[in-house]
Amino acid sequence: MKPEGEQMIKRDILCDHVLNVCLKLQTLRNSCSGVFQTQTYPPSITWFDGAAAICQEAIDWIEEVVLILTRREEKTIADKDNDWFKAGNGS
């Protein structure tokens, strides 16, 4: 597979991860609105456990995406440095 194709696939995967995080957080937001408008206080502990699980999963996905992007940026910088070094040495 060509490098451009691999990068497109990786970008698509990252976009899917970010979209997944957004959907989970939107679900949580909508759930908060519904719980606090329709239930008596305090909401059940089960709801809070579910909300905490959604938040943790969203955080995990965000951390994974940030790590992937950071690695890609470090590789790009290293590649540019390597190209500069080669150009300077006449390679």
PDB file of N, CA and C in Angstrom:
ATOM      1  N   MET A   1       0.846  -1.183   0.000  1.00  0.00           N
ATOM      2  CA  MET A   1       0.000   0.000   0.000  1.00  0.00           C
ATOM      3  C   MET A   1       0.891   1.246   0.000  1.00  0.00           C
ATOM      4  N   LYS A   2       0.504   2.237  -0.749  1.00  0.00           N
ATOM      5  CA  LYS A   2       1.264   3.474  -0.837  1.00  0.00           C
ATOM      6  C   LYS A   2       1.165   4.232   0.491  1.00  0.00           C
ATOM      7  N   PRO A   3       2.228   5.011   0.818  1.00  0.00           N
ATOM      8  CA  PRO A   3       2.190   5.796   2.064  1.00  0.00           C
ATOM      9  C   PRO A   3       0.986   6.720   2.159  1.00  0.00           C
ATOM     10  N   GLU A   4       0.565   7.284   1.009  1.00  0.00           N
ATOM     11  CA  GLU A   4      -0.596   8.185   1.044  1.00  0.00           C
ATOM     12  C   GLU A   4      -1.846   7.422   1.469  1.00  0.00           C
ATOM     13  N   GLY A   5      -1.990   6.183   0.962  1.00  0.00           N
ATOM     14  CA  GLY A   5      -3.143   5.358   1.316  1.00  0.00           C
ATOM     15  C   GLY A   5      -3.146   5.000   2.785  1.00  0.00           C
ATOM     16  N   GLU A   6      -1.967   4.687   3.316  1.00  0.00           N
ATOM     17  CA  GLU A   6      -1.855   4.356   4.739  1.00  0.00           C
ATOM     18  C   GLU A   6      -2.225   5.559   5.593  1.00  0.00           C
ATOM     19  N   GLN A   7      -1.756   6.740   5.176  1.00  0.00           N
ATOM     20  CA  GLN A   7      -2.074   7.943   5.948  1.00  0.00           C
ATOM     21  C   GLN A   7      -3.560   8.250   5.894  1.00  0.00           C
ATOM     22  N   MET A   8      -4.189   8.009   4.744  1.00  0.00           N
ATOM     23  CA  MET A   8      -5.638   8.222   4.636  1.00  0.00           C
ATOM     24  C   MET A   8      -6.385   7.289   5.577  1.00  0.00           C
ATOM     25  N   ILE A   9      -5.958   6.022   5.632  1.00  0.00           N
ATOM     26  CA  ILE A   9      -6.608   5.059   6.515  1.00  0.00           C
ATOM     27  C   ILE A   9      -6.423   5.479   7.968  1.00  0.00           C
ATOM     28  N   LYS A  10      -5.201   5.872   8.342  1.00  0.00           N
ATOM     29  CA  LYS A  10      -4.940   6.308   9.717  1.00  0.00           C
ATOM     30  C   LYS A  10      -5.774   7.536  10.051  1.00  0.00           C
ATOM     31  N   ARG A  11      -5.865   8.476   9.103  1.00  0.00           N
ATOM     32  CA  ARG A  11      -6.661   9.676   9.354  1.00  0.00           C
ATOM     33  C   ARG A  11      -8.131   9.315   9.522  1.00  0.00           C
ATOM     34  N   ASP A  12      -8.622   8.384   8.707  1.00  0.00           N
ATOM     35  CA  ASP A  12     -10.008   7.943   8.826  1.00  0.00           C
ATOM     36  C   ASP A  12     -10.258   7.293  10.178  1.00  0.00           C
ATOM     37  N   ILE A  13      -9.308   6.487  10.646  1.00  0.00           N
ATOM     38  CA  ILE A  13      -9.440   5.839  11.955  1.00  0.00           C
ATOM     39  C   ILE A  13      -9.473   6.894  13.054  1.00  0.00           C
ATOM     40  N   LEU A  14      -8.586   7.880  12.973  1.00  0.00           N
ATOM     41  CA  LEU A  14      -8.572   8.951  13.975  1.00  0.00           C
ATOM     42  C   LEU A  14      -9.886   9.723  13.953  1.00  0.00           C
ATOM     43  N   CYS A  15     -10.382  10.010  12.758  1.00  0.00           N
ATOM     44  CA  CYS A  15     -11.661  10.718  12.657  1.00  0.00           C
ATOM     45  C   CYS A  15     -12.782   9.897  13.277  1.00  0.00           C
ATOM     46  N   ASP A  16     -12.756   8.585  13.051  1.00  0.00           N
ATOM     47  CA  ASP A  16     -13.766   7.709  13.655  1.00  0.00           C
ATOM     48  C   ASP A  16     -13.667   7.746  15.179  1.00  0.00           C
ATOM     49  N   HIS A  17     -12.435   7.745  15.712  1.00  0.00           N
ATOM     50  CA  HIS A  17     -12.254   7.808  17.168  1.00  0.00           C
ATOM     51  C   HIS A  17     -12.824   9.111  17.723  1.00  0.00           C
ATOM     52  N   VAL A  18     -12.499  10.215  17.080  1.00  0.00           N
ATOM     53  CA  VAL A  18     -12.980  11.512  17.558  1.00  0.00           C
ATOM     54  C   VAL A  18     -14.501  11.591  17.450  1.00  0.00           C
ATOM     55  N   LEU A  19     -15.055  11.096  16.348  1.00  0.00           N
ATOM     56  CA  LEU A  19     -16.506  11.084  16.201  1.00  0.00           C
ATOM     57  C   LEU A  19     -17.155  10.236  17.293  1.00  0.00           C
ATOM     58  N   ASN A  20     -16.565   9.094  17.601  1.00  0.00           N
ATOM     59  CA  ASN A  20     -17.072   8.224  18.649  1.00  0.00           C
ATOM     60  C   ASN A  20     -17.085   8.954  19.994  1.00  0.00           C
ATOM     61  N   VAL A  21     -16.018   9.677  20.292  1.00  0.00           N
ATOM     62  CA  VAL A  21     -15.948  10.446  21.539  1.00  0.00           C
ATOM     63  C   VAL A  21     -17.063  11.495  21.561  1.00  0.00           C
ATOM     64  N   CYS A  22     -17.223  12.202  20.454  1.00  0.00           N
ATOM     65  CA  CYS A  22     -18.273  13.237  20.389  1.00  0.00           C
ATOM     66  C   CYS A  22     -19.657  12.638  20.614  1.00  0.00           C
ATOM     67  N   LEU A  23     -19.919  11.492  19.991  1.00  0.00           N
ATOM     68  CA  LEU A  23     -21.224  10.852  20.157  1.00  0.00           C
ATOM     69  C   LEU A  23     -21.458  10.417  21.599  1.00  0.00           C
ATOM     70  N   LYS A  24     -20.424   9.877  22.241  1.00  0.00           N
ATOM     71  CA  LYS A  24     -20.568   9.467  23.640  1.00  0.00           C
ATOM     72  C   LYS A  24     -20.844  10.673  24.534  1.00  0.00           C
ATOM     73  N   LEU A  25     -20.125  11.757  24.302  1.00  0.00           N
ATOM     74  CA  LEU A  25     -20.322  12.948  25.119  1.00  0.00           C
ATOM     75  C   LEU A  25     -21.679  13.594  24.848  1.00  0.00           C
ATOM     76  N   GLN A  26     -22.140  13.543  23.596  1.00  0.00           N
ATOM     77  CA  GLN A  26     -23.482  14.060  23.296  1.00  0.00           C
ATOM     78  C   GLN A  26     -24.548  13.211  23.983  1.00  0.00           C
ATOM     79  N   THR A  27     -24.347  11.902  23.999  1.00  0.00           N
ATOM     80  CA  THR A  27     -25.280  11.008  24.683  1.00  0.00           C
ATOM     81  C   THR A  27     -25.315  11.333  26.170  1.00  0.00           C
ATOM     82  N   LEU A  28     -24.142  11.542  26.738  1.00  0.00           N
ATOM     83  CA  LEU A  28     -24.067  11.886  28.159  1.00  0.00           C
ATOM     84  C   LEU A  28     -24.758  13.212  28.428  1.00  0.00           C
ATOM     85  N   ARG A  29     -24.513  14.203  27.572  1.00  0.00           N
ATOM     86  CA  ARG A  29     -25.151  15.513  27.732  1.00  0.00           C
ATOM     87  C   ARG A  29     -26.672  15.385  27.677  1.00  0.00           C
ATOM     88  N   ASN A  30     -27.159  14.634  26.684  1.00  0.00           N
ATOM     89  CA  ASN A  30     -28.604  14.453  26.547  1.00  0.00           C
ATOM     90  C   ASN A  30     -29.183  13.701  27.742  1.00  0.00           C
ATOM     91  N   SER A  31     -28.412  12.740  28.232  1.00  0.00           N
ATOM     92  CA  SER A  31     -28.857  11.979  29.391  1.00  0.00           C
ATOM     93  C   SER A  31     -28.945  12.881  30.623  1.00  0.00           C
ATOM     94  N   CYS A  32     -27.979  13.755  30.769  1.00  0.00           N
ATOM     95  CA  CYS A  32     -28.007  14.687  31.907  1.00  0.00           C
ATOM     96  C   CYS A  32     -29.266  15.544  31.864  1.00  0.00           C
ATOM     97  N   SER A  33     -29.580  16.053  30.694  1.00  0.00           N
ATOM     98  CA  SER A  33     -30.766  16.889  30.553  1.00  0.00           C
ATOM     99  C   SER A  33     -32.013  16.100  30.916  1.00  0.00           C
ATOM    100  N   GLY A  34     -32.105  14.879  30.396  1.00  0.00           N
ATOM    101  CA  GLY A  34     -33.277  14.057  30.651  1.00  0.00           C
ATOM    102  C   GLY A  34     -33.398  13.650  32.102  1.00  0.00           C
ATOM    103  N   VAL A  35     -32.291  13.273  32.721  1.00  0.00           N
ATOM    104  CA  VAL A  35     -32.327  12.819  34.114  1.00  0.00           C
ATOM    105  C   VAL A  35     -32.766  13.947  35.029  1.00  0.00           C
ATOM    106  N   PHE A  36     -32.204  15.106  34.836  1.00  0.00           N
ATOM    107  CA  PHE A  36     -32.482  16.177  35.768  1.00  0.00           C
ATOM    108  C   PHE A  36     -33.826  16.852  35.507  1.00  0.00           C
ATOM    109  N   GLN A  37     -34.409  16.607  34.348  1.00  0.00           N
ATOM    110  CA  GLN A  37     -35.721  17.189  34.073  1.00  0.00           C
ATOM    111  C   GLN A  37     -36.853  16.228  34.421  1.00  0.00           C
ATOM    112  N   THR A  38     -36.584  14.919  34.425  1.00  0.00           N
ATOM    113  CA  THR A  38     -37.680  13.963  34.587  1.00  0.00           C
ATOM    114  C   THR A  38     -37.644  13.175  35.881  1.00  0.00           C
ATOM    115  N   GLN A  39     -36.517  13.132  36.559  1.00  0.00           N
ATOM    116  CA  GLN A  39     -36.439  12.321  37.775  1.00  0.00           C
ATOM    117  C   GLN A  39     -36.431  13.195  39.013  1.00  0.00           C
ATOM    118  N   THR A  40     -36.786  12.553  40.089  1.00  0.00           N
ATOM    119  CA  THR A  40     -36.692  13.248  41.365  1.00  0.00           C
ATOM    120  C   THR A  40     -35.234  13.225  41.810  1.00  0.00           C
ATOM    121  N   TYR A  41     -34.883  14.107  42.647  1.00  0.00           N
ATOM    122  CA  TYR A  41     -33.503  14.185  43.131  1.00  0.00           C
ATOM    123  C   TYR A  41     -33.356  13.307  44.350  1.00  0.00           C
ATOM    124  N   PRO A  42     -32.239  12.731  44.578  1.00  0.00           N
ATOM    125  CA  PRO A  42     -31.084  12.656  43.685  1.00  0.00           C
ATOM    126  C   PRO A  42     -31.271  11.536  42.667  1.00  0.00           C
ATOM    127  N   PRO A  43     -30.635  11.660  41.499  1.00  0.00           N
ATOM    128  CA  PRO A  43     -30.701  10.580  40.511  1.00  0.00           C
ATOM    129  C   PRO A  43     -30.059   9.318  41.078  1.00  0.00           C
ATOM    130  N   SER A  44     -30.400   8.182  40.532  1.00  0.00           N
ATOM    131  CA  SER A  44     -29.869   6.928  41.075  1.00  0.00           C
ATOM    132  C   SER A  44     -28.369   6.832  40.852  1.00  0.00           C
ATOM    133  N   ILE A  45     -27.722   6.107  41.741  1.00  0.00           N
ATOM    134  CA  ILE A  45     -26.276   5.911  41.660  1.00  0.00           C
ATOM    135  C   ILE A  45     -25.903   5.183  40.374  1.00  0.00           C
ATOM    136  N   THR A  46     -26.804   4.367  39.842  1.00  0.00           N
ATOM    137  CA  THR A  46     -26.546   3.649  38.600  1.00  0.00           C
ATOM    138  C   THR A  46     -26.323   4.626  37.454  1.00  0.00           C
ATOM    139  N   TRP A  47     -27.100   5.702  37.437  1.00  0.00           N
ATOM    140  CA  TRP A  47     -26.930   6.697  36.381  1.00  0.00           C
ATOM    141  C   TRP A  47     -25.539   7.307  36.465  1.00  0.00           C
ATOM    142  N   PHE A  48     -25.101   7.648  37.680  1.00  0.00           N
ATOM    143  CA  PHE A  48     -23.778   8.246  37.849  1.00  0.00           C
ATOM    144  C   PHE A  48     -22.672   7.263  37.459  1.00  0.00           C
ATOM    145  N   ASP A  49     -22.846   5.985  37.782  1.00  0.00           N
ATOM    146  CA  ASP A  49     -21.862   4.974  37.378  1.00  0.00           C
ATOM    147  C   ASP A  49     -21.772   4.902  35.861  1.00  0.00           C
ATOM    148  N   GLY A  50     -22.916   4.924  35.197  1.00  0.00           N
ATOM    149  CA  GLY A  50     -22.930   4.894  33.734  1.00  0.00           C
ATOM    150  C   GLY A  50     -22.289   6.148  33.135  1.00  0.00           C
ATOM    151  N   ALA A  51     -22.591   7.290  33.715  1.00  0.00           N
ATOM    152  CA  ALA A  51     -22.016   8.546  33.236  1.00  0.00           C
ATOM    153  C   ALA A  51     -20.497   8.540  33.418  1.00  0.00           C
ATOM    154  N   ALA A  52     -20.047   8.043  34.554  1.00  0.00           N
ATOM    155  CA  ALA A  52     -18.600   7.970  34.805  1.00  0.00           C
ATOM    156  C   ALA A  52     -17.932   7.040  33.795  1.00  0.00           C
ATOM    157  N   ALA A  53     -18.573   5.935  33.466  1.00  0.00           N
ATOM    158  CA  ALA A  53     -18.012   4.990  32.496  1.00  0.00           C
ATOM    159  C   ALA A  53     -17.924   5.629  31.107  1.00  0.00           C
ATOM    160  N   ILE A  54     -18.956   6.361  30.711  1.00  0.00           N
ATOM    161  CA  ILE A  54     -18.939   7.047  29.418  1.00  0.00           C
ATOM    162  C   ILE A  54     -17.818   8.081  29.391  1.00  0.00           C
ATOM    163  N   CYS A  55     -17.689   8.846  30.460  1.00  0.00           N
ATOM    164  CA  CYS A  55     -16.622   9.858  30.521  1.00  0.00           C
ATOM    165  C   CYS A  55     -15.246   9.212  30.447  1.00  0.00           C
ATOM    166  N   GLN A  56     -15.045   8.120  31.184  1.00  0.00           N
ATOM    167  CA  GLN A  56     -13.744   7.456  31.170  1.00  0.00           C
ATOM    168  C   GLN A  56     -13.420   6.908  29.788  1.00  0.00           C
ATOM    169  N   GLU A  57     -14.399   6.323  29.128  1.00  0.00           N
ATOM    170  CA  GLU A  57     -14.170   5.794  27.788  1.00  0.00           C
ATOM    171  C   GLU A  57     -13.833   6.928  26.818  1.00  0.00           C
ATOM    172  N   ALA A  58     -14.527   8.050  26.925  1.00  0.00           N
ATOM    173  CA  ALA A  58     -14.239   9.198  26.064  1.00  0.00           C
ATOM    174  C   ALA A  58     -12.825   9.717  26.322  1.00  0.00           C
ATOM    175  N   ILE A  59     -12.436   9.794  27.583  1.00  0.00           N
ATOM    176  CA  ILE A  59     -11.085  10.240  27.934  1.00  0.00           C
ATOM    177  C   ILE A  59     -10.043   9.290  27.357  1.00  0.00           C
ATOM    178  N   ASP A  60     -10.279   7.987  27.469  1.00  0.00           N
ATOM    179  CA  ASP A  60      -9.339   6.999  26.929  1.00  0.00           C
ATOM    180  C   ASP A  60      -9.175   7.168  25.425  1.00  0.00           C
ATOM    181  N   TRP A  61     -10.279   7.381  24.704  1.00  0.00           N
ATOM    182  CA  TRP A  61     -10.214   7.562  23.248  1.00  0.00           C
ATOM    183  C   TRP A  61      -9.457   8.839  22.903  1.00  0.00           C
ATOM    184  N   ILE A  62      -9.725   9.914  23.634  1.00  0.00           N
ATOM    185  CA  ILE A  62      -9.038  11.183  23.377  1.00  0.00           C
ATOM    186  C   ILE A  62      -7.538  11.019  23.608  1.00  0.00           C
ATOM    187  N   GLU A  63      -7.162  10.355  24.703  1.00  0.00           N
ATOM    188  CA  GLU A  63      -5.745  10.136  24.987  1.00  0.00           C
ATOM    189  C   GLU A  63      -5.083   9.322  23.880  1.00  0.00           C
ATOM    190  N   GLU A  64      -5.786   8.321  23.353  1.00  0.00           N
ATOM    191  CA  GLU A  64      -5.245   7.498  22.285  1.00  0.00           C
ATOM    192  C   GLU A  64      -5.022   8.327  21.019  1.00  0.00           C
ATOM    193  N   VAL A  65      -5.980   9.165  20.677  1.00  0.00           N
ATOM    194  CA  VAL A  65      -5.853  10.007  19.489  1.00  0.00           C
ATOM    195  C   VAL A  65      -4.698  10.988  19.660  1.00  0.00           C
ATOM    196  N   VAL A  66      -4.590  11.604  20.834  1.00  0.00           N
ATOM    197  CA  VAL A  66      -3.499  12.556  21.093  1.00  0.00           C
ATOM    198  C   VAL A  66      -2.148  11.852  20.988  1.00  0.00           C
ATOM    199  N   LEU A  67      -2.037  10.650  21.529  1.00  0.00           N
ATOM    200  CA  LEU A  67      -0.791   9.892  21.448  1.00  0.00           C
ATOM    201  C   LEU A  67      -0.424   9.597  19.994  1.00  0.00           C
ATOM    202  N   ILE A  68      -1.390   9.173  19.208  1.00  0.00           N
ATOM    203  CA  ILE A  68      -1.139   8.881  17.791  1.00  0.00           C
ATOM    204  C   ILE A  68      -0.704  10.143  17.057  1.00  0.00           C
ATOM    205  N   LEU A  69      -1.385  11.248  17.299  1.00  0.00           N
ATOM    206  CA  LEU A  69      -1.024  12.505  16.633  1.00  0.00           C
ATOM    207  C   LEU A  69       0.355  12.984  17.064  1.00  0.00           C
ATOM    208  N   THR A  70       0.685  12.819  18.339  1.00  0.00           N
ATOM    209  CA  THR A  70       1.993  13.219  18.847  1.00  0.00           C
ATOM    210  C   THR A  70       3.095  12.394  18.200  1.00  0.00           C
ATOM    211  N   ARG A  71       2.884  11.086  18.116  1.00  0.00           N
ATOM    212  CA  ARG A  71       3.873  10.228  17.469  1.00  0.00           C
ATOM    213  C   ARG A  71       4.059  10.616  16.010  1.00  0.00           C
ATOM    214  N   ARG A  72       2.967  10.892  15.316  1.00  0.00           N
ATOM    215  CA  ARG A  72       3.046  11.278  13.909  1.00  0.00           C
ATOM    216  C   ARG A  72       3.831  12.578  13.758  1.00  0.00           C
ATOM    217  N   GLU A  73       3.577  13.554  14.648  1.00  0.00           N
ATOM    218  CA  GLU A  73       4.283  14.832  14.575  1.00  0.00           C
ATOM    219  C   GLU A  73       5.768  14.634  14.856  1.00  0.00           C
ATOM    220  N   GLU A  74       6.105  13.805  15.852  1.00  0.00           N
ATOM    221  CA  GLU A  74       7.511  13.535  16.154  1.00  0.00           C
ATOM    222  C   GLU A  74       8.203  12.875  14.967  1.00  0.00           C
ATOM    223  N   LYS A  75       7.518  11.942  14.304  1.00  0.00           N
ATOM    224  CA  LYS A  75       8.090  11.261  13.138  1.00  0.00           C
ATOM    225  C   LYS A  75       8.300  12.253  12.005  1.00  0.00           C
ATOM    226  N   THR A  76       7.336  13.145  11.789  1.00  0.00           N
ATOM    227  CA  THR A  76       7.453  14.145  10.733  1.00  0.00           C
ATOM    228  C   THR A  76       8.647  15.058  10.994  1.00  0.00           C
ATOM    229  N   ILE A  77       8.820  15.492  12.236  1.00  0.00           N
ATOM    230  CA  ILE A  77       9.948  16.357  12.599  1.00  0.00           C
ATOM    231  C   ILE A  77      11.262  15.611  12.393  1.00  0.00           C
ATOM    232  N   ALA A  78      11.320  14.349  12.828  1.00  0.00           N
ATOM    233  CA  ALA A  78      12.536  13.549  12.660  1.00  0.00           C
ATOM    234  C   ALA A  78      12.851  13.353  11.182  1.00  0.00           C
ATOM    235  N   ASP A  79      11.828  13.119  10.372  1.00  0.00           N
ATOM    236  CA  ASP A  79      12.035  12.949   8.928  1.00  0.00           C
ATOM    237  C   ASP A  79      12.580  14.232   8.302  1.00  0.00           C
ATOM    238  N   LYS A  80      12.033  15.379   8.708  1.00  0.00           N
ATOM    239  CA  LYS A  80      12.508  16.660   8.179  1.00  0.00           C
ATOM    240  C   LYS A  80      13.953  16.909   8.600  1.00  0.00           C
ATOM    241  N   ASP A  81      14.280  16.616   9.867  1.00  0.00           N
ATOM    242  CA  ASP A  81      15.654  16.776  10.344  1.00  0.00           C
ATOM    243  C   ASP A  81      16.601  15.877   9.561  1.00  0.00           C
ATOM    244  N   ASN A  82      16.172  14.649   9.301  1.00  0.00           N
ATOM    245  CA  ASN A  82      16.976  13.698   8.557  1.00  0.00           C
ATOM    246  C   ASN A  82      17.194  14.192   7.126  1.00  0.00           C
ATOM    247  N   ASP A  83      16.135  14.707   6.490  1.00  0.00           N
ATOM    248  CA  ASP A  83      16.247  15.246   5.139  1.00  0.00           C
ATOM    249  C   ASP A  83      17.203  16.435   5.107  1.00  0.00           C
ATOM    250  N   TRP A  84      17.130  17.300   6.115  1.00  0.00           N
ATOM    251  CA  TRP A  84      18.000  18.471   6.192  1.00  0.00           C
ATOM    252  C   TRP A  84      19.446  18.027   6.341  1.00  0.00           C
ATOM    253  N   PHE A  85      19.673  17.010   7.194  1.00  0.00           N
ATOM    254  CA  PHE A  85      21.025  16.507   7.421  1.00  0.00           C
ATOM    255  C   PHE A  85      21.582  15.919   6.123  1.00  0.00           C
ATOM    256  N   LYS A  86      20.772  15.144   5.412  1.00  0.00           N
ATOM    257  CA  LYS A  86      21.207  14.538   4.150  1.00  0.00           C
ATOM    258  C   LYS A  86      21.543  15.627   3.123  1.00  0.00           C
ATOM    259  N   ALA A  87      20.697  16.655   3.064  1.00  0.00           N
ATOM    260  CA  ALA A  87      20.923  17.743   2.103  1.00  0.00           C
ATOM    261  C   ALA A  87      22.212  18.494   2.431  1.00  0.00           C
ATOM    262  N   GLY A  88      22.473  18.660   3.704  1.00  0.00           N
ATOM    263  CA  GLY A  88      23.683  19.371   4.141  1.00  0.00           C
ATOM    264  C   GLY A  88      24.953  18.581   3.887  1.00  0.00           C
ATOM    265  N   ASN A  89      24.860  17.266   3.831  1.00  0.00           N
ATOM    266  CA  ASN A  89      26.025  16.414   3.613  1.00  0.00           C
ATOM    267  C   ASN A  89      26.158  16.000   2.148  1.00  0.00           C
ATOM    268  N   GLY A  90      25.292  16.515   1.311  1.00  0.00           N
ATOM    269  CA  GLY A  90      25.359  16.192  -0.095  1.00  0.00           C
ATOM    270  C   GLY A  90      24.898  14.777  -0.429  1.00  0.00           C
ATOM    271  N   SER A  91      24.133  14.160   0.472  1.00  0.00           N
ATOM    272  CA  SER A  91      23.646  12.791   0.250  1.00  0.00           C
ATOM    273  C   SER A  91      22.443  12.780  -0.620  1.00  0.00           C
TER     274      SER A  91
END
